[in-house]
């Protein structure tokens, strides 16, 4: 791989991590205070009741 390709690839990885962190933080903030849980969690609880 060329030096330029390695630099580009590394920059993309850092950018992807930064985007993932911001999105994760936004989702945590949006869900804060909700007690419903995810759709999967609610479905699993519903299955246990039946």
Protein backbone atom coordinates (compact mmCIF):
# COMPACT_ATOMS: atom_id res chain seq x y z
CA UNK A 1 0.00 0.00 0.00
CA UNK A 2 1.22 3.48 -0.71
CA UNK A 3 1.82 6.03 2.02
CA UNK A 4 -1.07 8.14 0.74
CA UNK A 5 -3.41 5.15 0.87
CA UNK A 6 -2.37 4.35 4.44
CA UNK A 7 -2.93 7.96 5.51
CA UNK A 8 -6.35 8.01 3.81
CA UNK A 9 -7.34 4.69 5.37
CA UNK A 10 -6.25 5.82 8.85
CA UNK A 11 -8.14 9.11 8.51
CA UNK A 12 -11.28 7.21 7.54
CA UNK A 13 -11.00 4.97 10.59
CA UNK A 14 -10.65 7.94 12.94
CA UNK A 15 -13.58 9.67 11.27
CA UNK A 16 -15.74 6.54 11.57
CA UNK A 17 -14.92 6.24 15.29
CA UNK A 18 -15.78 9.90 15.87
CA UNK A 19 -19.10 9.54 14.04
CA UNK A 20 -19.96 6.37 15.98
CA UNK A 21 -19.20 8.09 19.31
CA UNK A 22 -21.35 11.13 18.51
CA UNK A 23 -24.23 8.95 17.32
CA UNK A 24 -23.96 6.71 20.38
CA UNK A 25 -23.97 9.70 22.71
CA UNK A 26 -26.99 11.17 20.90
CA UNK A 27 -28.90 7.90 21.19
CA UNK A 28 -28.10 7.58 24.90
CA UNK A 29 -29.30 11.14 25.47
CA UNK A 30 -32.49 10.50 23.50
CA UNK A 31 -33.25 7.33 25.46
CA UNK A 32 -32.40 8.85 28.84
CA UNK A 33 -35.40 8.70 31.11
CA UNK A 34 -37.26 6.12 29.06
CA UNK A 35 -37.96 2.84 30.77
CA UNK A 36 -39.39 1.02 27.79
CA UNK A 37 -36.13 -0.49 26.59
CA UNK A 38 -35.41 -1.45 23.02
CA UNK A 39 -37.87 -3.24 20.77
CA UNK A 40 -35.90 -6.44 21.27
CA UNK A 41 -36.04 -6.11 25.04
CA UNK A 42 -39.80 -5.49 24.98
CA UNK A 43 -40.35 -8.47 22.67
CA UNK A 44 -38.35 -10.76 24.94
CA UNK A 45 -40.41 -9.66 27.95
CA UNK A 46 -43.61 -10.29 26.00
CA UNK A 47 -42.42 -13.80 25.07
CA UNK A 48 -41.72 -14.63 28.72
CA UNK A 49 -45.28 -13.66 29.68
CA UNK A 50 -46.79 -16.17 27.22
